[in-house]
Each structure stands twice: as C-alpha cells, then as structure tokens.
Amino acid sequence: MKRTIKKNLTKEIAEELDIFDDMLSALVELLEEKGVMTHEEWENRIAKKLKRTKEKLRRYRDIQFRE
C-alpha cells in the first residue's frame, strides 16, 4: 500500500511540474511576442540565477568535515 501512495505522489508531483513548465513556456512566448525579452535573454537570466544559487549552497562534506 505504501508503494502505491508513493507512486501516486510521484505522479502528482510530475504532473505539477509539467503544469509549471507549460506556464513558464507560455510566459516566455508572451514576453517574446510583446518584444520585452528574447528567449536567449530568458535563458541567460535563468543561468545567472542558478549560478548564484549554486554559489550559496554548501556541500554536505564541507559542512560535515569543516574545522
């Protein structure tokens, strides 16, 4: 029974992610149509944000073995 619940939860999460992906794609398309931002600008902005986030994260080993 627990396995079924886990599969259902995984499926629900995947469906939610698909919805968010569609929403973001629609937003980018709208911004492109309005001439506000190009797809390349969107991707560059995402890359910068991901890089900043990654720089802020600590690795588990660094925390575990820090002096």
Protein backbone atom coordinates (compact mmCIF):
# COMPACT_ATOMS: atom_id res chain seq x y z
CA MET A 1 0.00 0.00 0.00
CA LYS A 2 2.82 2.44 0.83
CA ARG A 3 4.35 1.81 -2.58
CA THR A 4 1.07 2.81 -4.26
CA ILE A 5 0.90 6.02 -2.24
CA LYS A 6 4.49 6.85 -3.16
CA LYS A 7 3.80 6.22 -6.87
CA ASN A 8 0.70 8.42 -6.74
CA LEU A 9 2.61 11.20 -5.01
CA THR A 10 5.42 10.96 -7.55
CA LYS A 11 2.88 11.11 -10.37
CA GLU A 12 1.17 14.15 -8.83
CA ILE A 13 4.49 15.96 -8.45
CA ALA A 14 5.42 15.17 -12.06
CA GLU A 15 2.06 16.49 -13.27
CA GLU A 16 2.53 19.70 -11.25
CA LEU A 17 5.98 20.17 -12.77
CA ASP A 18 4.51 19.72 -16.25
CA ILE A 19 1.94 22.42 -15.50
CA PHE A 20 4.63 24.83 -14.27
CA ASP A 21 6.70 24.09 -17.36
CA ASP A 22 3.75 24.92 -19.60
CA MET A 23 3.05 28.11 -17.63
CA LEU A 24 6.66 29.29 -17.90
CA SER A 25 6.80 28.48 -21.60
CA ALA A 26 3.63 30.49 -22.19
CA LEU A 27 5.08 33.42 -20.24
CA VAL A 28 8.31 33.41 -22.25
CA GLU A 29 6.35 33.23 -25.51
CA LEU A 30 4.22 36.19 -24.41
CA LEU A 31 7.29 38.22 -23.45
CA GLU A 32 8.84 37.45 -26.83
CA GLU A 33 5.66 38.43 -28.70
CA LYS A 34 5.50 41.73 -26.80
CA GLY A 35 9.16 42.43 -27.53
CA VAL A 36 10.00 42.59 -23.83
CA MET A 37 12.55 39.79 -23.75
CA THR A 38 14.04 37.25 -26.14
CA HIS A 39 14.29 33.58 -25.38
CA GLU A 40 18.07 33.92 -25.23
CA GLU A 41 17.78 36.71 -22.63
CA TRP A 42 15.43 34.49 -20.60
CA GLU A 43 17.88 31.59 -20.67
CA ASN A 44 20.79 33.86 -19.71
CA ARG A 45 18.84 35.24 -16.76
CA ILE A 46 17.99 31.73 -15.58
CA ALA A 47 21.65 30.66 -15.90
CA LYS A 48 22.77 33.64 -13.79
CA LYS A 49 20.22 32.88 -11.09
CA LEU A 50 21.18 29.20 -11.00
CA LYS A 51 24.86 30.12 -10.74
CA ARG A 52 24.18 32.49 -7.82
CA THR A 53 22.08 29.85 -6.07
CA LYS A 54 24.76 27.21 -6.58
CA GLU A 55 27.41 29.53 -5.15
CA LYS A 56 25.33 29.99 -1.99
CA LEU A 57 24.82 26.28 -1.42
CA ARG A 58 27.18 24.32 0.73
CA ARG A 59 28.27 20.83 0.01
CA TYR A 60 27.38 18.25 2.66
CA ARG A 61 31.00 17.17 3.00
CA ASP A 62 32.10 20.75 3.63
CA ILE A 63 29.63 21.01 6.49
CA GLN A 64 30.41 17.55 7.83
CA PHE A 65 34.20 17.95 7.91
CA ARG A 66 34.64 21.66 8.49
CA GLU A 67 37.06 22.67 11.15
